[in-house]
C-alpha cells in the first residue's frame, strides 16, 4: 500500500478516527490536509504526529456545514497542494436525546454537520475528480445508520443519509474511475464515546462478540484499504467495523 504523491483531505482530522486516518495514510506516503474546527491543542498535536511521519501536512479551520467555507477550503488546498486524490468525510457531532426531548435545533445541527457537511465537501471535489478521472471518497457512516438506536434519531438519520448518498454518488462517478464507499464503525474509543461512564463502556464491550471496543486505528486500516489500489474495483459499499455487534 503506497500513497506517495497522493493528497488526502480529512475532515474532522484533528482527533479520533480522523487523526488515526491521517496518520495511517501519512505512514504510507500521502500528503495530508486536515480540515476541522477542533481545539488548538488537538490541531497542533495532529500536525506534529503527521508531520513526524515525513509528509507534507497543513491544517485548515473550516466548518464543513458551511457550503461556501467548504468550497473555499477545497480551492485553497488544490492551489497549495496541486490536486486532491482522497477525501475522507469524517467530521461529525452528536446531540443525543430521546425524540420526546430533542429540539429542532439539536436535530438540525447534527444533520448539518454529519450529512450536509459530507454533501458539501463531496460536491466541491466532484468536478476536480471527474476532470482527473480518478479519486477516492470514503464517508464515515455508523452501525446506527443501519440498525437505529434509541436516543439518537438525529444521529441515526444523518448516518443513514450518508449511506444513501454514498451509494448514489458511487453510481454517478463510477465511470470516471472515482470510488465512493462508506465505513460504518461500531463503538470506537474516540472523544465522542469517552464521555460515557466506565459502567456503560463495560456493558457495551460485553455486547460485542469480540469483547472489546474498537480503536480508531481499526477504522483507519479499513479506510486506508478503500483508498488504495487494492480497492480499485470496490465502490458503493458500506463496510462495518464493529467487532461483530451488528451481525
C-alpha atoms as a PDB file:
ATOM      1  CA  UNK A   1       0.000   0.000   0.000  1.00  0.00           C
ATOM      2  CA  UNK A   2       1.652   3.199  -1.188  1.00  0.00           C
ATOM      3  CA  UNK A   3       0.158   6.689  -1.263  1.00  0.00           C
ATOM      4  CA  UNK A   4       3.305   8.572  -2.224  1.00  0.00           C
ATOM      5  CA  UNK A   5       2.376  11.521  -4.423  1.00  0.00           C
ATOM      6  CA  UNK A   6      -1.250  11.479  -3.240  1.00  0.00           C
ATOM      7  CA  UNK A   7      -3.015  14.242  -1.323  1.00  0.00           C
ATOM      8  CA  UNK A   8      -5.673  13.311   1.211  1.00  0.00           C
ATOM      9  CA  UNK A   9      -8.221  15.701   2.708  1.00  0.00           C
ATOM     10  CA  UNK A  10      -9.602  14.538   6.045  1.00  0.00           C
ATOM     11  CA  UNK A  11     -12.451  16.389   7.727  1.00  0.00           C
ATOM     12  CA  UNK A  12     -12.655  16.180  11.483  1.00  0.00           C
ATOM     13  CA  UNK A  13      -8.988  15.334  11.231  1.00  0.00           C
ATOM     14  CA  UNK A  14      -7.683  16.789  14.464  1.00  0.00           C
ATOM     15  CA  UNK A  15      -8.622  13.872  16.738  1.00  0.00           C
ATOM     16  CA  UNK A  16     -10.216  10.448  16.998  1.00  0.00           C
ATOM     17  CA  UNK A  17     -10.804   8.474  13.824  1.00  0.00           C
ATOM     18  CA  UNK A  18      -9.856  11.409  11.616  1.00  0.00           C
ATOM     19  CA  UNK A  19      -6.417  11.740  13.147  1.00  0.00           C
ATOM     20  CA  UNK A  20      -5.892   7.970  13.018  1.00  0.00           C
ATOM     21  CA  UNK A  21      -6.724   8.015   9.298  1.00  0.00           C
ATOM     22  CA  UNK A  22      -4.345  10.926   8.747  1.00  0.00           C
ATOM     23  CA  UNK A  23      -1.509   9.069  10.465  1.00  0.00           C
ATOM     24  CA  UNK A  24      -2.234   5.835   8.605  1.00  0.00           C
ATOM     25  CA  UNK A  25      -2.269   7.448   5.158  1.00  0.00           C
ATOM     26  CA  UNK A  26       0.758   9.578   6.007  1.00  0.00           C
ATOM     27  CA  UNK A  27       2.671   6.482   7.123  1.00  0.00           C
ATOM     28  CA  UNK A  28       2.193   5.204   3.574  1.00  0.00           C
ATOM     29  CA  UNK A  29       3.398   8.434   1.978  1.00  0.00           C
ATOM     30  CA  UNK A  30       0.286  10.586   1.498  1.00  0.00           C
ATOM     31  CA  UNK A  31       0.411  14.335   1.973  1.00  0.00           C
ATOM     32  CA  UNK A  32      -2.334  15.396   4.361  1.00  0.00           C
ATOM     33  CA  UNK A  33      -4.741  18.332   4.579  1.00  0.00           C
ATOM     34  CA  UNK A  34      -6.553  18.347   7.912  1.00  0.00           C
ATOM     35  CA  UNK A  35      -9.896  20.156   7.969  1.00  0.00           C
ATOM     36  CA  UNK A  36     -11.705  20.839  11.210  1.00  0.00           C
ATOM     37  CA  UNK A  37     -12.819  23.184  13.964  1.00  0.00           C
ATOM     38  CA  UNK A  38     -11.451  21.316  16.981  1.00  0.00           C
ATOM     39  CA  UNK A  39      -9.313  22.691  19.781  1.00  0.00           C
ATOM     40  CA  UNK A  40      -5.955  24.259  19.002  1.00  0.00           C
ATOM     41  CA  UNK A  41      -4.336  21.674  21.283  1.00  0.00           C
ATOM     42  CA  UNK A  42      -5.767  18.807  19.226  1.00  0.00           C
ATOM     43  CA  UNK A  43      -4.831  20.551  15.981  1.00  0.00           C
ATOM     44  CA  UNK A  44      -1.219  21.090  16.981  1.00  0.00           C
ATOM     45  CA  UNK A  45      -0.905  17.512  18.261  1.00  0.00           C
ATOM     46  CA  UNK A  46      -2.269  16.151  14.967  1.00  0.00           C
ATOM     47  CA  UNK A  47       0.045  18.365  12.914  1.00  0.00           C
ATOM     48  CA  UNK A  48       3.054  17.130  14.874  1.00  0.00           C
ATOM     49  CA  UNK A  49       2.057  13.461  14.745  1.00  0.00           C
ATOM     50  CA  UNK A  50       1.505  13.554  10.988  1.00  0.00           C
ATOM     51  CA  UNK A  51       4.472  15.832  10.298  1.00  0.00           C
ATOM     52  CA  UNK A  52       6.788  13.481  12.175  1.00  0.00           C
ATOM     53  CA  UNK A  53       5.982  10.867   9.526  1.00  0.00           C
ATOM     54  CA  UNK A  54       7.835  12.940   6.953  1.00  0.00           C
ATOM     55  CA  UNK A  55       4.980  14.105   4.734  1.00  0.00           C
ATOM     56  CA  UNK A  56       3.510  17.493   3.978  1.00  0.00           C
ATOM     57  CA  UNK A  57       0.684  18.445   6.322  1.00  0.00           C
ATOM     58  CA  UNK A  58      -1.355  21.568   6.940  1.00  0.00           C
ATOM     59  CA  UNK A  59      -4.469  22.312   8.964  1.00  0.00           C
ATOM     60  CA  UNK A  60      -7.442  24.302   7.691  1.00  0.00           C
ATOM     61  CA  UNK A  61     -10.020  25.573  10.155  1.00  0.00           C
ATOM     62  CA  UNK A  62     -13.382  25.111   8.465  1.00  0.00           C
ATOM     63  CA  UNK A  63     -16.963  24.334   9.462  1.00  0.00           C
ATOM     64  CA  UNK A  64     -17.927  21.754   6.839  1.00  0.00           C
ATOM     65  CA  UNK A  65     -21.619  22.531   7.313  1.00  0.00           C
ATOM     66  CA  UNK A  66     -20.933  25.932   5.678  1.00  0.00           C
ATOM     67  CA  UNK A  67     -21.158  25.364   1.917  1.00  0.00           C
ATOM     68  CA  UNK A  68     -19.172  28.454   0.924  1.00  0.00           C
ATOM     69  CA  UNK A  69     -16.472  27.830   3.518  1.00  0.00           C
ATOM     70  CA  UNK A  70     -16.053  24.266   2.292  1.00  0.00           C
ATOM     71  CA  UNK A  71     -15.763  25.442  -1.292  1.00  0.00           C
ATOM     72  CA  UNK A  72     -13.111  27.982  -0.335  1.00  0.00           C
ATOM     73  CA  UNK A  73     -11.023  25.481   1.610  1.00  0.00           C
ATOM     74  CA  UNK A  74     -11.089  22.883  -1.185  1.00  0.00           C
ATOM     75  CA  UNK A  75      -9.954  25.530  -3.674  1.00  0.00           C
ATOM     76  CA  UNK A  76      -7.194  26.597  -1.295  1.00  0.00           C
ATOM     77  CA  UNK A  77      -5.974  23.016  -0.836  1.00  0.00           C
ATOM     78  CA  UNK A  78      -5.895  22.420  -4.604  1.00  0.00           C
ATOM     79  CA  UNK A  79      -3.990  25.676  -5.081  1.00  0.00           C
ATOM     80  CA  UNK A  80      -1.452  24.786  -2.400  1.00  0.00           C
ATOM     81  CA  UNK A  81      -1.065  21.044  -2.979  1.00  0.00           C
ATOM     82  CA  UNK A  82      -1.726  20.938  -6.724  1.00  0.00           C
ATOM     83  CA  UNK A  83      -4.519  18.369  -6.510  1.00  0.00           C
ATOM     84  CA  UNK A  84      -6.661  16.234  -4.238  1.00  0.00           C
ATOM     85  CA  UNK A  85      -6.771  12.453  -4.613  1.00  0.00           C
ATOM     86  CA  UNK A  86      -8.623  11.340  -1.497  1.00  0.00           C
ATOM     87  CA  UNK A  87     -11.494  12.819   0.520  1.00  0.00           C
ATOM     88  CA  UNK A  88     -12.419  11.383   3.905  1.00  0.00           C
ATOM     89  CA  UNK A  89     -15.724  12.784   5.188  1.00  0.00           C
ATOM     90  CA  UNK A  90     -15.215  12.123   8.872  1.00  0.00           C
ATOM     91  CA  UNK A  91     -16.444  15.293  10.610  1.00  0.00           C
ATOM     92  CA  UNK A  92     -19.327  14.544  12.909  1.00  0.00           C
ATOM     93  CA  UNK A  93     -21.180  15.602  16.056  1.00  0.00           C
ATOM     94  CA  UNK A  94     -23.884  14.130  18.255  1.00  0.00           C
ATOM     95  CA  UNK A  95     -26.701  15.646  20.308  1.00  0.00           C
ATOM     96  CA  UNK A  96     -28.223  12.528  21.841  1.00  0.00           C
ATOM     97  CA  UNK A  97     -31.710  12.670  23.343  1.00  0.00           C
ATOM     98  CA  UNK A  98     -34.967  10.801  23.075  1.00  0.00           C
ATOM     99  CA  UNK A  99     -37.056  12.419  20.355  1.00  0.00           C
ATOM    100  CA  UNK A 100     -39.533  13.405  23.080  1.00  0.00           C
ATOM    101  CA  UNK A 101     -36.945  15.860  24.411  1.00  0.00           C
ATOM    102  CA  UNK A 102     -34.966  16.613  21.243  1.00  0.00           C
ATOM    103  CA  UNK A 103     -35.235  20.166  19.973  1.00  0.00           C
ATOM    104  CA  UNK A 104     -35.424  21.181  16.340  1.00  0.00           C
ATOM    105  CA  UNK A 105     -32.055  22.920  16.731  1.00  0.00           C
ATOM    106  CA  UNK A 106     -30.452  19.716  18.040  1.00  0.00           C
ATOM    107  CA  UNK A 107     -31.800  17.732  15.109  1.00  0.00           C
ATOM    108  CA  UNK A 108     -30.740  20.339  12.562  1.00  0.00           C
ATOM    109  CA  UNK A 109     -27.221  20.731  13.989  1.00  0.00           C
ATOM    110  CA  UNK A 110     -26.421  17.023  13.614  1.00  0.00           C
ATOM    111  CA  UNK A 111     -27.848  16.823  10.098  1.00  0.00           C
ATOM    112  CA  UNK A 112     -25.943  19.976   9.121  1.00  0.00           C
ATOM    113  CA  UNK A 113     -22.526  18.621  10.091  1.00  0.00           C
ATOM    114  CA  UNK A 114     -22.836  14.883   9.564  1.00  0.00           C
ATOM    115  CA  UNK A 115     -24.891  14.775   6.367  1.00  0.00           C
ATOM    116  CA  UNK A 116     -24.817  18.187   4.730  1.00  0.00           C
ATOM    117  CA  UNK A 117     -21.145  18.539   5.614  1.00  0.00           C
ATOM    118  CA  UNK A 118     -20.405  15.332   3.700  1.00  0.00           C
ATOM    119  CA  UNK A 119     -22.510  16.613   0.802  1.00  0.00           C
ATOM    120  CA  UNK A 120     -20.710  19.961   0.785  1.00  0.00           C
ATOM    121  CA  UNK A 121     -17.204  18.524   0.679  1.00  0.00           C
ATOM    122  CA  UNK A 122     -18.134  15.849  -1.861  1.00  0.00           C
ATOM    123  CA  UNK A 123     -19.761  18.477  -4.053  1.00  0.00           C
ATOM    124  CA  UNK A 124     -16.583  20.568  -4.034  1.00  0.00           C
ATOM    125  CA  UNK A 125     -14.279  17.706  -5.120  1.00  0.00           C
ATOM    126  CA  UNK A 126     -16.806  16.289  -7.594  1.00  0.00           C
ATOM    127  CA  UNK A 127     -15.684  18.244 -10.658  1.00  0.00           C
ATOM    128  CA  UNK A 128     -11.940  18.007  -9.918  1.00  0.00           C
ATOM    129  CA  UNK A 129     -12.258  14.240  -9.519  1.00  0.00           C
ATOM    130  CA  UNK A 130     -14.248  13.982 -12.751  1.00  0.00           C
ATOM    131  CA  UNK A 131     -11.665  16.019 -14.653  1.00  0.00           C
ATOM    132  CA  UNK A 132      -8.703  13.986 -13.409  1.00  0.00           C
ATOM    133  CA  UNK A 133     -10.680  10.753 -13.866  1.00  0.00           C
ATOM    134  CA  UNK A 134      -9.587   9.418 -10.510  1.00  0.00           C
ATOM    135  CA  UNK A 135     -10.347   9.822  -6.840  1.00  0.00           C
ATOM    136  CA  UNK A 136     -11.330   8.106  -3.628  1.00  0.00           C
ATOM    137  CA  UNK A 137     -14.132   9.236  -1.336  1.00  0.00           C
ATOM    138  CA  UNK A 138     -14.770   7.484   1.957  1.00  0.00           C
ATOM    139  CA  UNK A 139     -17.686   8.590   4.134  1.00  0.00           C
ATOM    140  CA  UNK A 140     -17.977   7.823   7.830  1.00  0.00           C
ATOM    141  CA  UNK A 141     -21.353   6.260   8.500  1.00  0.00           C
ATOM    142  CA  UNK A 142     -22.205   4.215  11.608  1.00  0.00           C
ATOM    143  CA  UNK A 143     -23.861   0.951  12.541  1.00  0.00           C
ATOM    144  CA  UNK A 144     -26.702   3.019  13.994  1.00  0.00           C
ATOM    145  CA  UNK A 145     -27.346   4.305  10.484  1.00  0.00           C
ATOM    146  CA  UNK A 146     -28.064   0.691   9.588  1.00  0.00           C
ATOM    147  CA  UNK A 147     -29.834  -0.515  12.722  1.00  0.00           C
ATOM    148  CA  UNK A 148     -31.085   2.577  14.527  1.00  0.00           C
ATOM    149  CA  UNK A 149     -30.578   3.366  18.206  1.00  0.00           C
ATOM    150  CA  UNK A 150     -32.915   4.827  20.791  1.00  0.00           C
ATOM    151  CA  UNK A 151     -31.997   8.360  21.794  1.00  0.00           C
ATOM    152  CA  UNK A 152     -30.150   9.069  18.564  1.00  0.00           C
ATOM    153  CA  UNK A 153     -32.838   9.843  15.992  1.00  0.00           C
ATOM    154  CA  UNK A 154     -30.854  12.784  14.636  1.00  0.00           C
ATOM    155  CA  UNK A 155     -27.545  10.903  14.514  1.00  0.00           C
ATOM    156  CA  UNK A 156     -29.128   7.780  13.010  1.00  0.00           C
ATOM    157  CA  UNK A 157     -30.893   9.856  10.369  1.00  0.00           C
ATOM    158  CA  UNK A 158     -27.657  11.625   9.450  1.00  0.00           C
ATOM    159  CA  UNK A 159     -25.703   8.400   9.103  1.00  0.00           C
ATOM    160  CA  UNK A 160     -28.464   6.614   7.186  1.00  0.00           C
ATOM    161  CA  UNK A 161     -28.450   9.609   4.865  1.00  0.00           C
ATOM    162  CA  UNK A 162     -24.690   9.301   4.426  1.00  0.00           C
ATOM    163  CA  UNK A 163     -25.159   5.662   3.389  1.00  0.00           C
ATOM    164  CA  UNK A 164     -27.794   6.556   0.803  1.00  0.00           C
ATOM    165  CA  UNK A 165     -25.708   9.418  -0.543  1.00  0.00           C
ATOM    166  CA  UNK A 166     -22.654   7.176  -0.769  1.00  0.00           C
ATOM    167  CA  UNK A 167     -24.469   4.719  -2.998  1.00  0.00           C
ATOM    168  CA  UNK A 168     -25.952   7.443  -5.216  1.00  0.00           C
ATOM    169  CA  UNK A 169     -22.663   9.276  -5.766  1.00  0.00           C
ATOM    170  CA  UNK A 170     -20.836   5.982  -6.309  1.00  0.00           C
ATOM    171  CA  UNK A 171     -23.145   5.284  -9.246  1.00  0.00           C
ATOM    172  CA  UNK A 172     -22.635   8.794 -10.617  1.00  0.00           C
ATOM    173  CA  UNK A 173     -18.834   8.709 -10.516  1.00  0.00           C
ATOM    174  CA  UNK A 174     -18.013   5.058 -11.217  1.00  0.00           C
ATOM    175  CA  UNK A 175     -17.440   5.599 -14.950  1.00  0.00           C
ATOM    176  CA  UNK A 176     -14.862   8.281 -14.088  1.00  0.00           C
ATOM    177  CA  UNK A 177     -12.753   5.847 -12.049  1.00  0.00           C
ATOM    178  CA  UNK A 178     -13.804   7.513  -8.788  1.00  0.00           C
ATOM    179  CA  UNK A 179     -14.831   5.176  -5.983  1.00  0.00           C
ATOM    180  CA  UNK A 180     -17.190   6.198  -3.196  1.00  0.00           C
ATOM    181  CA  UNK A 181     -17.566   3.970  -0.163  1.00  0.00           C
ATOM    182  CA  UNK A 182     -18.679   4.198   3.450  1.00  0.00           C
ATOM    183  CA  UNK A 183     -17.347   2.722   6.650  1.00  0.00           C
ATOM    184  CA  UNK A 184     -19.799   2.057   9.477  1.00  0.00           C
ATOM    185  CA  UNK A 185     -17.959   1.923  12.803  1.00  0.00           C
ATOM    186  CA  UNK A 186     -19.441   0.382  15.897  1.00  0.00           C
ATOM    187  CA  UNK A 187     -18.416   1.514  19.373  1.00  0.00           C
ATOM    188  CA  UNK A 188     -14.974   3.051  18.943  1.00  0.00           C
ATOM    189  CA  UNK A 189     -12.899   4.712  21.667  1.00  0.00           C
ATOM    190  CA  UNK A 190     -12.988   8.325  20.490  1.00  0.00           C
ATOM    191  CA  UNK A 191     -13.633  11.688  22.183  1.00  0.00           C
ATOM    192  CA  UNK A 192     -17.319  11.247  21.255  1.00  0.00           C
ATOM    193  CA  UNK A 193     -17.651   7.998  23.229  1.00  0.00           C
ATOM    194  CA  UNK A 194     -15.184   8.745  26.022  1.00  0.00           C
ATOM    195  CA  UNK A 195     -17.866  10.780  27.772  1.00  0.00           C
ATOM    196  CA  UNK A 196     -19.674   7.532  28.598  1.00  0.00           C
ATOM    197  CA  UNK A 197     -19.281   6.163  32.117  1.00  0.00           C
ATOM    198  CA  UNK A 198     -16.967   3.205  32.713  1.00  0.00           C
ATOM    199  CA  UNK A 199     -20.014   1.100  33.577  1.00  0.00           C
ATOM    200  CA  UNK A 200     -21.657   1.854  30.240  1.00  0.00           C
ATOM    201  CA  UNK A 201     -18.395   1.210  28.395  1.00  0.00           C
ATOM    202  CA  UNK A 202     -18.080  -2.198  30.085  1.00  0.00           C
ATOM    203  CA  UNK A 203     -21.698  -3.027  29.233  1.00  0.00           C
ATOM    204  CA  UNK A 204     -21.070  -2.133  25.603  1.00  0.00           C
ATOM    205  CA  UNK A 205     -17.911  -4.251  25.469  1.00  0.00           C
ATOM    206  CA  UNK A 206     -19.856  -7.223  26.847  1.00  0.00           C
ATOM    207  CA  UNK A 207     -22.339  -6.948  23.963  1.00  0.00           C
ATOM    208  CA  UNK A 208     -19.619  -7.054  21.302  1.00  0.00           C
ATOM    209  CA  UNK A 209     -18.752 -10.568  20.050  1.00  0.00           C
ATOM    210  CA  UNK A 210     -15.043  -9.676  20.053  1.00  0.00           C
ATOM    211  CA  UNK A 211     -15.423  -8.490  23.672  1.00  0.00           C
ATOM    212  CA  UNK A 212     -13.654  -5.171  23.220  1.00  0.00           C
ATOM    213  CA  UNK A 213     -14.418  -1.706  21.992  1.00  0.00           C
ATOM    214  CA  UNK A 214     -12.765  -0.690  18.773  1.00  0.00           C
ATOM    215  CA  UNK A 215      -9.819   1.630  18.343  1.00  0.00           C
ATOM    216  CA  UNK A 216      -9.589   4.476  15.837  1.00  0.00           C
ATOM    217  CA  UNK A 217      -6.811   2.521  14.161  1.00  0.00           C
ATOM    218  CA  UNK A 218      -9.213  -0.349  13.472  1.00  0.00           C
ATOM    219  CA  UNK A 219     -11.316   2.003  11.367  1.00  0.00           C
ATOM    220  CA  UNK A 220      -8.310   3.732   9.804  1.00  0.00           C
ATOM    221  CA  UNK A 221      -6.969   0.424   8.487  1.00  0.00           C
ATOM    222  CA  UNK A 222     -10.173  -0.268   6.560  1.00  0.00           C
ATOM    223  CA  UNK A 223     -10.318   3.277   5.218  1.00  0.00           C
ATOM    224  CA  UNK A 224      -6.733   3.016   4.012  1.00  0.00           C
ATOM    225  CA  UNK A 225      -7.635  -0.149   2.121  1.00  0.00           C
ATOM    226  CA  UNK A 226     -10.586   1.584   0.457  1.00  0.00           C
ATOM    227  CA  UNK A 227      -8.307   4.440  -0.605  1.00  0.00           C
ATOM    228  CA  UNK A 228      -5.687   2.113  -2.051  1.00  0.00           C
ATOM    229  CA  UNK A 229      -5.254   0.470  -5.431  1.00  0.00           C
ATOM    230  CA  UNK A 230      -6.275  -2.812  -3.783  1.00  0.00           C
ATOM    231  CA  UNK A 231      -9.843  -1.468  -3.680  1.00  0.00           C
ATOM    232  CA  UNK A 232      -9.943  -0.016  -7.196  1.00  0.00           C
ATOM    233  CA  UNK A 233     -12.960  -2.216  -8.071  1.00  0.00           C
ATOM    234  CA  UNK A 234     -14.866  -1.583  -4.837  1.00  0.00           C
ATOM    235  CA  UNK A 235     -17.476   1.165  -4.871  1.00  0.00           C
ATOM    236  CA  UNK A 236     -20.855   1.865  -3.295  1.00  0.00           C
ATOM    237  CA  UNK A 237     -20.080  -0.415  -0.355  1.00  0.00           C
ATOM    238  CA  UNK A 238     -20.751   0.029   3.351  1.00  0.00           C
ATOM    239  CA  UNK A 239     -18.227  -1.856   5.464  1.00  0.00           C
ATOM    240  CA  UNK A 240     -18.986  -2.403   9.144  1.00  0.00           C
ATOM    241  CA  UNK A 241     -16.056  -2.099  11.551  1.00  0.00           C
ATOM    242  CA  UNK A 242     -17.790  -3.125  14.732  1.00  0.00           C
ATOM    243  CA  UNK A 243     -16.322  -6.289  16.229  1.00  0.00           C
ATOM    244  CA  UNK A 244     -19.416  -8.141  15.056  1.00  0.00           C
ATOM    245  CA  UNK A 245     -22.021  -6.306  17.132  1.00  0.00           C
ATOM    246  CA  UNK A 246     -24.295  -5.653  14.143  1.00  0.00           C
ATOM    247  CA  UNK A 247     -24.188  -9.196  12.757  1.00  0.00           C
END
